[in-house]
Structure formats: structure tokens, C-alpha cells
Amino acid sequence: MRDHLKTDFFTPALPRVFGHRGSAGTHPENTLESFRAAAACGVQYLEFDLHMTRDGEIVVAHDAHLKRACGVDRVIPDLTYAELAKADAGRMFTLDGATFPFREKGIRVPRLAEVLAEFPKLRMIVEVKQITPSVVAPMLHVIDRAGVRRNVLVASEHQQPLDEVRKLAPEIPTNFSYLESGMFIQAMGTRDANYRPPAEAVQIPHRHESWELVTRESVEFAHRLGVEVHVWTVNESAEMSELLEMGVDGLISDYPARALDLVQKRTNRR
């Protein structure tokens, strides 16, 4: 892990609650409306995903393809932002499978710059989804223009963007790539005394197929290394409680209000 880290990202008290794509369980994911809902319930952290349009705008969206969220058979890298802005980012959101309360409400795929400008005091996990062409340099430009470099952690399951961030902006914390997460689990299992973590936070699901990834042992191993454990995507109160008992540092949830309420109740009991 890099010992010259300079960041405010880890300043708020533990445990951390991250609004996954905002408040994706109650509002259209990765939209300003979703982020506003998360902020309104008191979260100090947002989590969202990045792609880049054909004309170089860094935008907030999980999928490159617009079909699932917008019902449009187009992909973001092929579109200018003016073209992308015509897509209805609230079109496909439904709570019951039959009604679409956010359809035709003027909800757009937002620019990264818009999100940073509206929530300058929140900390943010910005997850790089697009690999080619690289979004890292233009993303860092937007972050610096907003003056929030100290408030972000850059995440990706891919190695390439993390390597780029670690080279171009070594003071910005990162998560572990998919490969690095696997090496972390392997080092824990073999009790490798020579293992050195590549980043500041391992962000993994509680379970993957038959593997129990987050356990007391894995959390304790991470903490001995000075690494935080953030678990995604945790939506049920019982699982939230189980993970907090293990000592995890953060819950990434589609229902941040639910997670915050649980954390507050646990704090009040102490």
C-alpha cells in the first residue's frame, strides 16, 4: 500500500455506508435524482460508474449499452453527449414490474462534472467501467477542475485503469482489481507473510458462487495490512448486521437509508 497517501476520503467515521449508484433501490440508478435521494437520507458516500461519450464527455452510467436503463439500443461510446442526453434514464425503472414512475420526467444520464458540482462535500467511489479508449486522464481532469481529488477513491474490476491512476495520481486511493482481490484471498489462505496490498480498499461481495469471501478471518487479515473492507451489494438488514458484526468497514447498498438506520441503531446501543 502506498505510504504517501493524501486523502480525505477515509475521514468520516466507520462504518461507512455507500449509496450504490445513489439510491438504486428506490430511484433510477446513477442519476442525479438517485444521488439526491441518497444525500437526503444522510449518506456521506456515493458510488457510481463511468463511461465516455464519442466527444469525450465523462458520464455516469453502469452499462455501456443503454438498453437496460434507458430502453435504447445504442452504446455510449458511439454517441455524442448531445445524443446521449436525449435518452430517458428513468424510463426502465420499476418497483413492481408494471409501473414506471420516473418515465418521461426529463431524467438524463449525467455528466461526471454535474455530479461533482452538486455534491462537493460528499466522498465518492468512482468506478471506471470503460477500458478503451481510456477514460482515466479526462476523468482526472474533471475531478481536478471540480477540486475534489481528495474526496474520491477510484475503483475498477479491471487492472489497466487502476494502473493508470496509480501512475498519474498516486495520492488518490484505489480499490483492488478483480485479479488483485483474488491474490488477496489467496494470500490470506496461505498466510503469506510476504504479501503486500496494492491498494487501500478491497471491495468484494459477501459471497461468490460457493465461496465465502467476507469472513472474520478475511476482515482481520485486511485490517492487519491496513486495508479497508467494503462489501457490495448489501440490501437486506440481516446481512448488513452479520457483516457489521464481522467488522467490515463499509456497506455498499442500493438502500442507503436502510443501512444508515441500522448503523445508527447499532451506534445508539453502545
Protein backbone atom coordinates (compact mmCIF):
# COMPACT_ATOMS: atom_id res chain seq x y z
CA MET A 1 0.00 0.00 0.00
CA ARG A 2 1.25 3.48 -0.81
CA ASP A 3 2.59 5.29 2.26
CA HIS A 4 2.39 8.77 0.68
CA LEU A 5 -1.39 8.73 0.50
CA LYS A 6 -3.02 12.13 0.92
CA THR A 7 -6.79 11.98 1.03
CA ASP A 8 -9.89 12.98 2.96
CA PHE A 9 -11.82 10.00 1.60
CA PHE A 10 -11.41 7.96 4.78
CA THR A 11 -12.13 10.83 7.21
CA PRO A 12 -15.80 10.14 8.16
CA ALA A 13 -16.33 7.68 10.98
CA LEU A 14 -16.65 3.95 10.49
CA PRO A 15 -18.61 2.01 9.45
CA ARG A 16 -19.18 3.69 6.10
CA VAL A 17 -22.42 3.50 4.11
CA PHE A 18 -22.06 3.92 0.36
CA GLY A 19 -25.09 4.78 -1.75
CA HIS A 20 -24.76 2.24 -4.56
CA ARG A 21 -25.42 4.13 -7.80
CA GLY A 22 -27.09 6.60 -5.46
CA SER A 23 -30.21 5.03 -4.02
CA ALA A 24 -30.64 2.46 -6.78
CA GLY A 25 -33.32 0.51 -4.94
CA THR A 26 -35.68 3.48 -4.88
CA HIS A 27 -34.65 5.69 -7.83
CA PRO A 28 -33.23 5.24 -11.34
CA GLU A 29 -29.60 4.26 -10.82
CA ASN A 30 -26.70 6.63 -11.49
CA THR A 31 -28.93 9.67 -11.99
CA LEU A 32 -28.95 12.99 -10.17
CA GLU A 33 -32.34 12.00 -8.76
CA SER A 34 -30.85 8.85 -7.27
CA PHE A 35 -27.87 10.72 -5.82
CA ARG A 36 -30.17 13.37 -4.35
CA ALA A 37 -32.23 10.67 -2.66
CA ALA A 38 -29.10 9.14 -1.15
CA ALA A 39 -27.80 12.51 0.01
CA ALA A 40 -31.19 13.39 1.52
CA CYS A 41 -31.06 10.36 3.80
CA GLY A 42 -27.68 11.43 5.12
CA VAL A 43 -25.05 9.37 3.32
CA GLN A 44 -21.52 10.71 3.24
CA TYR A 45 -20.51 8.47 0.35
CA LEU A 46 -21.80 7.89 -3.17
CA GLU A 47 -20.74 5.11 -5.52
CA PHE A 48 -21.17 5.29 -9.29
CA ASP A 49 -19.77 4.19 -12.65
CA LEU A 50 -18.10 5.96 -15.55
CA HIS A 51 -18.03 5.79 -19.34
CA MET A 52 -17.04 8.30 -22.01
CA THR A 53 -19.02 9.57 -24.99
CA ARG A 54 -17.67 9.84 -28.51
CA ASP A 55 -16.93 13.53 -27.99
CA GLY A 56 -15.05 12.97 -24.74
CA GLU A 57 -17.64 13.69 -22.03
CA ILE A 58 -17.19 11.58 -18.90
CA VAL A 59 -20.66 10.36 -17.96
CA VAL A 60 -22.16 8.40 -15.10
CA ALA A 61 -23.64 5.06 -16.20
CA HIS A 62 -23.11 1.43 -15.26
CA ASP A 63 -23.63 -0.16 -18.68
CA ALA A 64 -22.08 0.94 -21.94
CA HIS A 65 -25.31 -0.21 -23.60
CA LEU A 66 -28.40 1.90 -22.92
CA LYS A 67 -30.96 -0.89 -23.30
CA ARG A 68 -31.36 -1.90 -19.66
CA ALA A 69 -31.60 1.58 -18.13
CA CYS A 70 -32.99 3.68 -20.98
CA GLY A 71 -34.64 1.19 -23.34
CA VAL A 72 -32.46 2.44 -26.20
CA ASP A 73 -30.47 0.16 -28.48
CA ARG A 74 -27.31 2.32 -28.54
CA VAL A 75 -23.94 2.31 -26.79
CA ILE A 76 -22.42 5.29 -25.02
CA PRO A 77 -19.01 5.36 -26.77
CA ASP A 78 -20.79 5.70 -30.15
CA LEU A 79 -22.80 8.74 -29.08
CA THR A 80 -22.04 12.41 -28.57
CA TYR A 81 -23.24 13.77 -25.27
CA ALA A 82 -25.95 15.75 -27.07
CA GLU A 83 -27.24 12.45 -28.48
CA LEU A 84 -26.93 10.67 -25.13
CA ALA A 85 -28.81 13.46 -23.34
CA LYS A 86 -31.92 12.59 -25.36
CA ALA A 87 -32.14 9.17 -23.69
CA ASP A 88 -34.65 8.80 -20.83
CA ALA A 89 -32.57 7.49 -17.91
CA GLY A 90 -35.72 6.96 -15.84
CA ARG A 91 -37.58 5.00 -18.49
CA MET A 92 -36.98 1.43 -17.36
CA PHE A 93 -37.02 1.85 -13.57
CA THR A 94 -39.84 -0.01 -11.87
CA LEU A 95 -40.56 -1.21 -8.36
CA ASP A 96 -43.34 -3.62 -9.26
CA GLY A 97 -42.61 -4.64 -12.85
CA ALA A 98 -45.77 -2.94 -14.08
CA THR A 99 -45.48 0.79 -13.39
CA PHE A 100 -42.70 3.20 -14.32
CA PRO A 101 -42.92 6.23 -12.01
CA PHE A 102 -39.86 8.04 -13.39
CA ARG A 103 -40.61 7.63 -17.09
CA GLU A 104 -40.71 10.83 -19.18
CA LYS A 105 -39.66 13.02 -16.25
CA GLY A 106 -36.69 14.53 -18.06
CA ILE A 107 -34.13 12.37 -16.25
CA ARG A 108 -30.82 12.19 -18.13
CA VAL A 109 -27.55 10.28 -17.96
CA PRO A 110 -25.50 12.88 -16.04
CA ARG A 111 -22.02 14.14 -16.70
CA LEU A 112 -19.43 13.44 -14.01
CA ALA A 113 -18.90 17.20 -13.73
CA GLU A 114 -22.57 17.71 -12.83
CA VAL A 115 -22.43 15.13 -10.04
CA LEU A 116 -19.24 16.55 -8.56
CA ALA A 117 -20.64 20.09 -8.72
CA GLU A 118 -23.89 19.18 -6.96
CA PHE A 119 -22.31 17.13 -4.16
CA PRO A 120 -18.92 18.73 -3.50
CA LYS A 121 -18.81 17.71 0.17
CA LEU A 122 -19.60 14.02 -0.32
CA ARG A 123 -16.96 11.35 -0.75
CA MET A 124 -17.26 9.24 -3.86
CA ILE A 125 -16.24 5.87 -5.24
CA VAL A 126 -15.87 6.46 -8.97
CA GLU A 127 -15.76 3.11 -10.76
CA VAL A 128 -14.18 3.02 -14.19
CA LYS A 129 -16.10 0.68 -16.48
CA GLN A 130 -14.74 1.73 -19.88
CA ILE A 131 -11.28 0.49 -20.82
CA THR A 132 -10.83 1.55 -24.46
CA PRO A 133 -10.34 4.35 -25.09
CA SER A 134 -9.08 5.09 -21.60
CA VAL A 135 -11.17 7.48 -19.52
CA VAL A 136 -8.56 7.98 -16.79
CA ALA A 137 -6.83 11.18 -17.91
CA PRO A 138 -10.06 13.01 -18.85
CA MET A 139 -11.69 11.73 -15.64
CA LEU A 140 -8.84 13.13 -13.55
CA HIS A 141 -9.16 16.42 -15.42
CA VAL A 142 -12.85 16.67 -14.45
CA ILE A 143 -12.07 15.74 -10.84
CA ASP A 144 -9.32 18.35 -10.64
CA ARG A 145 -11.47 21.03 -12.25
CA ALA A 146 -14.03 20.39 -9.50
CA GLY A 147 -11.31 20.48 -6.84
CA VAL A 148 -12.34 17.19 -5.24
CA ARG A 149 -9.28 14.99 -5.78
CA ARG A 150 -9.01 14.42 -2.02
CA ASN A 151 -12.62 13.19 -1.84
CA VAL A 152 -12.52 10.30 -4.30
CA LEU A 153 -11.47 6.68 -4.47
CA VAL A 154 -11.09 5.26 -7.97
CA ALA A 155 -12.36 1.73 -8.40
CA SER A 156 -12.40 -0.81 -11.20
CA GLU A 157 -12.53 -4.54 -11.63
CA HIS A 158 -10.03 -4.04 -14.46
CA GLN A 159 -6.30 -3.70 -13.91
CA GLN A 160 -5.49 -1.16 -16.61
CA PRO A 161 -7.36 1.89 -15.25
CA LEU A 162 -6.08 1.26 -11.73
CA ASP A 163 -2.51 1.09 -13.01
CA GLU A 164 -3.07 4.37 -14.84
CA VAL A 165 -4.48 6.11 -11.78
CA ARG A 166 -1.67 4.84 -9.57
CA LYS A 167 0.83 6.26 -12.05
CA LEU A 168 -0.87 9.58 -12.87
CA ALA A 169 -2.35 10.37 -9.44
CA PRO A 170 -0.59 8.25 -6.80
CA GLU A 171 -2.20 10.20 -3.95
CA ILE A 172 -5.70 9.03 -4.95
CA PRO A 173 -6.73 5.80 -3.21
CA THR A 174 -7.91 2.85 -5.28
CA ASN A 175 -9.62 -0.46 -4.74
CA PHE A 176 -8.31 -3.89 -5.69
CA SER A 177 -8.89 -5.11 -9.24
CA TYR A 178 -10.56 -8.47 -9.79
CA LEU A 179 -7.13 -10.09 -10.11
CA GLU A 180 -5.77 -8.31 -7.06
CA SER A 181 -8.80 -9.36 -5.00
CA GLY A 182 -8.10 -12.96 -5.94
CA MET A 183 -4.47 -12.58 -4.89
CA PHE A 184 -5.62 -11.08 -1.58
CA ILE A 185 -7.87 -14.07 -0.88
CA GLN A 186 -5.09 -16.45 -1.88
CA ALA A 187 -2.55 -14.69 0.38
CA MET A 188 -4.99 -14.90 3.27
CA GLY A 189 -5.50 -18.61 2.70
CA THR A 190 -1.78 -19.35 2.56
CA ARG A 191 -0.94 -16.85 5.31
CA ASP A 192 1.70 -15.34 3.05
CA ALA A 193 3.91 -13.17 5.28
CA ASN A 194 5.43 -11.50 2.23
CA TYR A 195 2.13 -10.30 0.76
CA ARG A 196 1.85 -6.54 0.29
CA PRO A 197 -1.52 -4.96 -0.63
CA PRO A 198 -1.59 -2.90 -3.85
CA ALA A 199 -4.34 -0.51 -2.74
CA GLU A 200 -6.33 0.89 0.15
CA ALA A 201 -9.68 -0.90 -0.04
CA VAL A 202 -10.75 -4.36 -1.07
CA GLN A 203 -14.31 -4.17 -2.40
CA ILE A 204 -15.88 -7.59 -2.78
CA PRO A 205 -19.23 -9.36 -2.47
CA HIS A 206 -20.02 -11.26 0.70
CA ARG A 207 -20.19 -14.47 -1.30
CA HIS A 208 -19.30 -15.55 -4.82
CA GLU A 209 -20.83 -18.82 -6.01
CA SER A 210 -19.80 -21.31 -3.29
CA TRP A 211 -17.05 -19.08 -1.88
CA GLU A 212 -17.49 -17.16 1.34
CA LEU A 213 -15.26 -14.15 0.61
CA VAL A 214 -16.04 -11.94 3.57
CA THR A 215 -15.39 -13.66 6.87
CA ARG A 216 -13.96 -12.58 10.22
CA GLU A 217 -10.67 -14.05 9.03
CA SER A 218 -10.57 -12.06 5.77
CA VAL A 219 -11.59 -8.84 7.55
CA GLU A 220 -8.92 -9.33 10.22
CA PHE A 221 -6.31 -10.13 7.56
CA ALA A 222 -7.18 -6.92 5.68
CA HIS A 223 -7.04 -4.84 8.85
CA ARG A 224 -3.62 -6.19 9.78
CA LEU A 225 -2.47 -4.90 6.39
CA GLY A 226 -4.10 -1.50 6.88
CA VAL A 227 -6.72 -2.21 4.20
CA GLU A 228 -10.44 -1.47 4.47
CA VAL A 229 -13.13 -4.00 3.50
CA HIS A 230 -16.18 -2.66 1.61
CA VAL A 231 -18.89 -5.18 0.73
CA TRP A 232 -21.30 -4.98 -2.21
CA THR A 233 -24.20 -5.05 -2.85
CA VAL A 234 -25.79 -5.44 0.59
CA ASN A 235 -29.53 -4.76 0.71
CA GLU A 236 -31.01 -6.90 3.47
CA SER A 237 -30.84 -5.81 7.11
CA ALA A 238 -29.93 -9.27 8.39
CA GLU A 239 -26.91 -9.48 6.11
CA MET A 240 -25.91 -5.91 6.96
CA SER A 241 -25.91 -6.84 10.65
CA GLU A 242 -23.93 -10.01 10.01
CA LEU A 243 -21.25 -8.12 8.11
CA LEU A 244 -21.02 -5.33 10.67
CA GLU A 245 -20.51 -7.96 13.37
CA MET A 246 -17.54 -9.21 11.35
CA GLY A 247 -16.06 -5.72 11.47
CA VAL A 248 -16.33 -4.68 7.82
CA ASP A 249 -15.56 -1.04 7.15
CA GLY A 250 -18.27 -0.27 4.63
CA LEU A 251 -21.59 -1.42 3.19
CA ILE A 252 -22.34 -0.61 -0.44
CA SER A 253 -26.13 -0.67 -0.70
CA ASP A 254 -29.00 0.09 -3.07
CA TYR A 255 -30.89 1.14 0.07
CA PRO A 256 -28.52 3.51 1.88
CA ALA A 257 -31.30 4.82 4.13
CA ARG A 258 -31.84 1.28 5.43
CA ALA A 259 -28.13 0.77 6.02
CA LEU A 260 -27.73 4.13 7.74
CA ASP A 261 -30.66 3.42 10.02
CA LEU A 262 -29.15 0.10 11.04
CA VAL A 263 -25.72 1.63 11.66
CA GLN A 264 -27.29 4.39 13.77
CA LYS A 265 -29.28 1.92 15.86
CA ARG A 266 -26.13 -0.13 16.49
CA THR A 267 -24.25 3.00 17.50
CA ASN A 268 -27.00 4.08 19.89
CA ARG A 269 -26.97 0.68 21.63
CA ARG A 270 -23.32 1.02 22.53
